[in-house]
Amino acid sequence: MTTINLHQYLDSIDKLLDESRLREVTGHCRHILNTYPRHIDTYRLLAKALLERESFEDARNMFQRILSANPTDFIAHVGLSIIFKEESLLPQALWHLERAFETQP
């Protein structure tokens, strides 16, 4: 049995995300979060996968959790902007896009 560290595991999950293997990504992320319930990088990968699956409610929840830990998280703000745009909530979408731009102009 080969052992990998958490960073390597997340890298392999990120590759699955790049390959659009979204169900696998969500399964692996939930597995990690069972052991490390506050691991922000895992929440970020899970949120991105949920967004790609168009599970907007679940993705919004994950992005908001990330922002509660790190209010300047670029990916979370961009993700929420996309979700609000898809839901035709343009003022909220613009607000999050502006916050993202403030963190990474």
N, C-alpha and C. Protein backbone atom coordinates (compact mmCIF):
# COMPACT_ATOMS: atom_id res chain seq x y z
N MET A 1 0.84 -1.18 0.00
CA MET A 1 0.00 0.00 0.00
C MET A 1 0.88 1.24 0.00
N THR A 2 0.63 2.15 -0.91
CA THR A 2 1.39 3.38 -1.03
C THR A 2 0.74 4.47 -0.19
N THR A 3 1.56 5.20 0.54
CA THR A 3 1.07 6.30 1.35
C THR A 3 1.45 7.61 0.69
N ILE A 4 0.47 8.53 0.61
CA ILE A 4 0.74 9.87 0.11
C ILE A 4 0.30 10.86 1.17
N ASN A 5 0.92 12.03 1.15
CA ASN A 5 0.52 13.04 2.12
C ASN A 5 -0.70 13.81 1.58
N LEU A 6 -1.27 14.63 2.44
CA LEU A 6 -2.50 15.34 2.08
C LEU A 6 -2.29 16.25 0.88
N HIS A 7 -1.14 16.91 0.82
CA HIS A 7 -0.86 17.80 -0.31
C HIS A 7 -0.85 17.03 -1.64
N GLN A 8 -0.22 15.87 -1.65
CA GLN A 8 -0.19 15.04 -2.85
C GLN A 8 -1.60 14.56 -3.22
N TYR A 9 -2.36 14.19 -2.20
CA TYR A 9 -3.74 13.74 -2.41
C TYR A 9 -4.56 14.86 -3.05
N LEU A 10 -4.42 16.08 -2.55
CA LEU A 10 -5.15 17.21 -3.13
C LEU A 10 -4.72 17.47 -4.57
N ASP A 11 -3.43 17.33 -4.84
CA ASP A 11 -2.95 17.50 -6.21
C ASP A 11 -3.59 16.48 -7.15
N SER A 12 -3.73 15.25 -6.69
CA SER A 12 -4.35 14.22 -7.54
C SER A 12 -5.85 14.50 -7.71
N ILE A 13 -6.49 15.03 -6.69
CA ILE A 13 -7.91 15.40 -6.81
C ILE A 13 -8.06 16.56 -7.78
N ASP A 14 -7.14 17.51 -7.72
CA ASP A 14 -7.18 18.65 -8.64
C ASP A 14 -7.06 18.18 -10.09
N LYS A 15 -6.25 17.17 -10.33
CA LYS A 15 -6.13 16.61 -11.68
C LYS A 15 -7.44 15.97 -12.12
N LEU A 16 -8.12 15.31 -11.18
CA LEU A 16 -9.44 14.75 -11.50
C LEU A 16 -10.42 15.86 -11.86
N LEU A 17 -10.33 16.98 -11.16
CA LEU A 17 -11.18 18.13 -11.48
C LEU A 17 -10.89 18.64 -12.89
N ASP A 18 -9.62 18.71 -13.24
CA ASP A 18 -9.24 19.13 -14.60
C ASP A 18 -9.80 18.19 -15.66
N GLU A 19 -9.96 16.92 -15.29
CA GLU A 19 -10.49 15.91 -16.22
C GLU A 19 -12.01 15.82 -16.15
N SER A 20 -12.64 16.71 -15.39
CA SER A 20 -14.10 16.75 -15.21
C SER A 20 -14.66 15.46 -14.62
N ARG A 21 -13.90 14.84 -13.76
CA ARG A 21 -14.36 13.64 -13.04
C ARG A 21 -14.94 14.10 -11.71
N LEU A 22 -16.06 14.82 -11.83
CA LEU A 22 -16.60 15.61 -10.74
C LEU A 22 -17.14 14.77 -9.58
N ARG A 23 -17.76 13.65 -9.88
CA ARG A 23 -18.28 12.80 -8.79
C ARG A 23 -17.12 12.24 -7.96
N GLU A 24 -16.05 11.88 -8.62
CA GLU A 24 -14.88 11.38 -7.89
C GLU A 24 -14.29 12.48 -7.01
N VAL A 25 -14.23 13.68 -7.56
CA VAL A 25 -13.69 14.81 -6.79
C VAL A 25 -14.52 15.04 -5.53
N THR A 26 -15.84 15.08 -5.69
CA THR A 26 -16.68 15.34 -4.52
C THR A 26 -16.54 14.21 -3.50
N GLY A 27 -16.45 12.99 -3.95
CA GLY A 27 -16.28 11.86 -3.03
C GLY A 27 -14.98 11.94 -2.25
N HIS A 28 -13.89 12.21 -2.95
CA HIS A 28 -12.59 12.33 -2.29
C HIS A 28 -12.58 13.50 -1.31
N CYS A 29 -13.14 14.63 -1.72
CA CYS A 29 -13.15 15.81 -0.84
C CYS A 29 -13.96 15.54 0.42
N ARG A 30 -15.10 14.91 0.27
CA ARG A 30 -15.93 14.60 1.45
C ARG A 30 -15.19 13.63 2.37
N HIS A 31 -14.44 12.70 1.77
CA HIS A 31 -13.64 11.77 2.56
C HIS A 31 -12.60 12.53 3.40
N ILE A 32 -11.90 13.46 2.78
CA ILE A 32 -10.90 14.26 3.50
C ILE A 32 -11.56 15.08 4.60
N LEU A 33 -12.70 15.70 4.29
CA LEU A 33 -13.37 16.56 5.26
C LEU A 33 -13.91 15.78 6.46
N ASN A 34 -14.13 14.48 6.30
CA ASN A 34 -14.52 13.67 7.45
C ASN A 34 -13.40 13.61 8.49
N THR A 35 -12.17 13.64 8.00
CA THR A 35 -11.01 13.59 8.89
C THR A 35 -10.51 14.98 9.26
N TYR A 36 -10.53 15.89 8.29
CA TYR A 36 -10.05 17.26 8.49
C TYR A 36 -11.19 18.24 8.18
N PRO A 37 -12.13 18.42 9.10
CA PRO A 37 -13.34 19.20 8.80
C PRO A 37 -13.12 20.70 8.60
N ARG A 38 -11.92 21.19 8.82
CA ARG A 38 -11.65 22.62 8.64
C ARG A 38 -10.60 22.89 7.56
N HIS A 39 -10.38 21.93 6.70
CA HIS A 39 -9.33 22.06 5.70
C HIS A 39 -9.83 22.89 4.51
N ILE A 40 -9.42 24.15 4.47
CA ILE A 40 -9.94 25.12 3.50
C ILE A 40 -9.64 24.72 2.06
N ASP A 41 -8.45 24.21 1.79
CA ASP A 41 -8.10 23.82 0.41
C ASP A 41 -9.04 22.73 -0.10
N THR A 42 -9.45 21.84 0.77
CA THR A 42 -10.39 20.79 0.38
C THR A 42 -11.77 21.38 0.10
N TYR A 43 -12.21 22.30 0.95
CA TYR A 43 -13.48 22.98 0.69
C TYR A 43 -13.44 23.68 -0.67
N ARG A 44 -12.31 24.29 -0.99
CA ARG A 44 -12.18 25.00 -2.27
C ARG A 44 -12.33 24.04 -3.45
N LEU A 45 -11.67 22.89 -3.39
CA LEU A 45 -11.80 21.90 -4.46
C LEU A 45 -13.23 21.38 -4.55
N LEU A 46 -13.84 21.11 -3.41
CA LEU A 46 -15.22 20.62 -3.40
C LEU A 46 -16.16 21.67 -3.98
N ALA A 47 -15.99 22.91 -3.59
CA ALA A 47 -16.85 23.98 -4.11
C ALA A 47 -16.70 24.13 -5.62
N LYS A 48 -15.48 24.05 -6.11
CA LYS A 48 -15.27 24.16 -7.56
C LYS A 48 -15.95 23.00 -8.29
N ALA A 49 -15.86 21.80 -7.74
CA ALA A 49 -16.51 20.64 -8.37
C ALA A 49 -18.03 20.80 -8.35
N LEU A 50 -18.57 21.26 -7.24
CA LEU A 50 -20.01 21.46 -7.14
C LEU A 50 -20.49 22.54 -8.11
N LEU A 51 -19.69 23.58 -8.27
CA LEU A 51 -20.02 24.63 -9.23
C LEU A 51 -20.04 24.06 -10.64
N GLU A 52 -19.04 23.26 -10.98
CA GLU A 52 -18.99 22.63 -12.30
C GLU A 52 -20.19 21.71 -12.53
N ARG A 53 -20.66 21.06 -11.48
CA ARG A 53 -21.83 20.17 -11.57
C ARG A 53 -23.14 20.97 -11.58
N GLU A 54 -23.02 22.29 -11.44
CA GLU A 54 -24.16 23.19 -11.36
C GLU A 54 -25.04 22.91 -10.14
N SER A 55 -24.41 22.45 -9.08
CA SER A 55 -25.07 22.30 -7.78
C SER A 55 -24.86 23.61 -7.03
N PHE A 56 -25.57 24.63 -7.50
CA PHE A 56 -25.30 25.99 -7.03
C PHE A 56 -25.53 26.17 -5.54
N GLU A 57 -26.57 25.59 -5.00
CA GLU A 57 -26.86 25.73 -3.56
C GLU A 57 -25.72 25.16 -2.72
N ASP A 58 -25.27 23.96 -3.06
CA ASP A 58 -24.18 23.32 -2.32
C ASP A 58 -22.86 24.08 -2.52
N ALA A 59 -22.61 24.51 -3.75
CA ALA A 59 -21.38 25.27 -4.03
C ALA A 59 -21.39 26.59 -3.26
N ARG A 60 -22.53 27.26 -3.24
CA ARG A 60 -22.63 28.52 -2.50
C ARG A 60 -22.29 28.29 -1.01
N ASN A 61 -22.82 27.22 -0.45
CA ASN A 61 -22.55 26.89 0.95
C ASN A 61 -21.05 26.70 1.18
N MET A 62 -20.40 25.97 0.29
CA MET A 62 -18.96 25.73 0.44
C MET A 62 -18.16 27.03 0.30
N PHE A 63 -18.49 27.83 -0.71
CA PHE A 63 -17.78 29.09 -0.89
C PHE A 63 -17.98 30.01 0.31
N GLN A 64 -19.18 30.03 0.88
CA GLN A 64 -19.42 30.87 2.05
C GLN A 64 -18.65 30.37 3.27
N ARG A 65 -18.49 29.06 3.39
CA ARG A 65 -17.66 28.52 4.48
C ARG A 65 -16.22 28.99 4.33
N ILE A 66 -15.74 28.96 3.09
CA ILE A 66 -14.37 29.40 2.83
C ILE A 66 -14.22 30.88 3.23
N LEU A 67 -15.19 31.69 2.83
CA LEU A 67 -15.11 33.12 3.14
C LEU A 67 -15.24 33.39 4.64
N SER A 68 -15.92 32.52 5.36
CA SER A 68 -16.00 32.72 6.81
C SER A 68 -14.63 32.51 7.46
N ALA A 69 -13.81 31.67 6.86
CA ALA A 69 -12.45 31.44 7.36
C ALA A 69 -11.45 32.43 6.78
N ASN A 70 -11.67 32.81 5.52
CA ASN A 70 -10.76 33.72 4.82
C ASN A 70 -11.59 34.68 3.96
N PRO A 71 -11.96 35.84 4.50
CA PRO A 71 -12.84 36.76 3.78
C PRO A 71 -12.28 37.31 2.47
N THR A 72 -11.00 37.12 2.22
CA THR A 72 -10.41 37.63 0.98
C THR A 72 -10.06 36.52 -0.01
N ASP A 73 -10.68 35.36 0.13
CA ASP A 73 -10.37 34.24 -0.77
C ASP A 73 -10.85 34.54 -2.18
N PHE A 74 -9.92 34.64 -3.10
CA PHE A 74 -10.22 35.00 -4.49
C PHE A 74 -11.17 34.00 -5.15
N ILE A 75 -10.86 32.72 -5.05
CA ILE A 75 -11.66 31.68 -5.70
C ILE A 75 -13.09 31.68 -5.18
N ALA A 76 -13.26 31.84 -3.88
CA ALA A 76 -14.61 31.85 -3.30
C ALA A 76 -15.42 33.03 -3.83
N HIS A 77 -14.79 34.20 -3.92
CA HIS A 77 -15.52 35.37 -4.44
C HIS A 77 -15.87 35.18 -5.91
N VAL A 78 -14.96 34.67 -6.69
CA VAL A 78 -15.26 34.43 -8.11
C VAL A 78 -16.36 33.38 -8.24
N GLY A 79 -16.27 32.32 -7.47
CA GLY A 79 -17.30 31.28 -7.52
C GLY A 79 -18.67 31.81 -7.17
N LEU A 80 -18.75 32.61 -6.12
CA LEU A 80 -20.05 33.19 -5.74
C LEU A 80 -20.54 34.16 -6.81
N SER A 81 -19.63 34.88 -7.42
CA SER A 81 -20.02 35.78 -8.50
C SER A 81 -20.66 35.00 -9.65
N ILE A 82 -20.07 33.88 -10.00
CA ILE A 82 -20.62 33.04 -11.07
C ILE A 82 -22.00 32.51 -10.69
N ILE A 83 -22.13 32.04 -9.47
CA ILE A 83 -23.42 31.50 -9.02
C ILE A 83 -24.50 32.58 -9.06
N PHE A 84 -24.19 33.76 -8.50
CA PHE A 84 -25.19 34.82 -8.50
C PHE A 84 -25.53 35.29 -9.91
N LYS A 85 -24.55 35.28 -10.80
CA LYS A 85 -24.82 35.64 -12.20
C LYS A 85 -25.78 34.63 -12.82
N GLU A 86 -25.53 33.34 -12.59
CA GLU A 86 -26.40 32.29 -13.13
C GLU A 86 -27.82 32.40 -12.57
N GLU A 87 -27.95 32.92 -11.37
CA GLU A 87 -29.26 33.06 -10.73
C GLU A 87 -29.86 34.44 -10.99
N SER A 88 -29.24 35.20 -11.90
CA SER A 88 -29.69 36.55 -12.27
C SER A 88 -29.76 37.51 -11.09
N LEU A 89 -28.85 37.32 -10.14
CA LEU A 89 -28.73 38.23 -9.01
C LEU A 89 -27.49 39.09 -9.25
N LEU A 90 -27.63 39.99 -10.21
CA LEU A 90 -26.47 40.72 -10.70
C LEU A 90 -25.81 41.64 -9.68
N PRO A 91 -26.55 42.33 -8.81
CA PRO A 91 -25.84 43.15 -7.81
C PRO A 91 -24.93 42.31 -6.90
N GLN A 92 -25.39 41.13 -6.48
CA GLN A 92 -24.56 40.27 -5.64
C GLN A 92 -23.37 39.72 -6.43
N ALA A 93 -23.62 39.38 -7.70
CA ALA A 93 -22.54 38.89 -8.56
C ALA A 93 -21.45 39.95 -8.71
N LEU A 94 -21.88 41.17 -8.95
CA LEU A 94 -20.92 42.26 -9.13
C LEU A 94 -20.16 42.54 -7.83
N TRP A 95 -20.84 42.47 -6.69
CA TRP A 95 -20.20 42.73 -5.41
C TRP A 95 -19.06 41.72 -5.19
N HIS A 96 -19.33 40.45 -5.43
CA HIS A 96 -18.30 39.43 -5.22
C HIS A 96 -17.18 39.55 -6.25
N LEU A 97 -17.52 39.92 -7.45
CA LEU A 97 -16.48 40.13 -8.47
C LEU A 97 -15.57 41.29 -8.07
N GLU A 98 -16.15 42.33 -7.51
CA GLU A 98 -15.35 43.46 -7.03
C GLU A 98 -14.43 43.04 -5.89
N ARG A 99 -14.93 42.22 -4.95
CA ARG A 99 -14.10 41.73 -3.85
C ARG A 99 -12.95 40.88 -4.39
N ALA A 100 -13.24 40.06 -5.39
CA ALA A 100 -12.18 39.25 -6.00
C ALA A 100 -11.12 40.15 -6.63
N PHE A 101 -11.57 41.17 -7.33
CA PHE A 101 -10.64 42.08 -7.99
C PHE A 101 -9.79 42.83 -6.97
N GLU A 102 -10.38 43.15 -5.81
CA GLU A 102 -9.62 43.83 -4.76
C GLU A 102 -8.48 42.96 -4.24
N THR A 103 -8.70 41.64 -4.20
CA THR A 103 -7.66 40.75 -3.69
C THR A 103 -6.59 40.45 -4.73
N GLN A 104 -7.01 40.39 -6.00
CA GLN A 104 -6.06 40.13 -7.09
C GLN A 104 -6.41 41.00 -8.29
N PRO A 105 -5.94 42.25 -8.28
CA PRO A 105 -6.29 43.18 -9.37
C PRO A 105 -5.76 42.76 -10.72
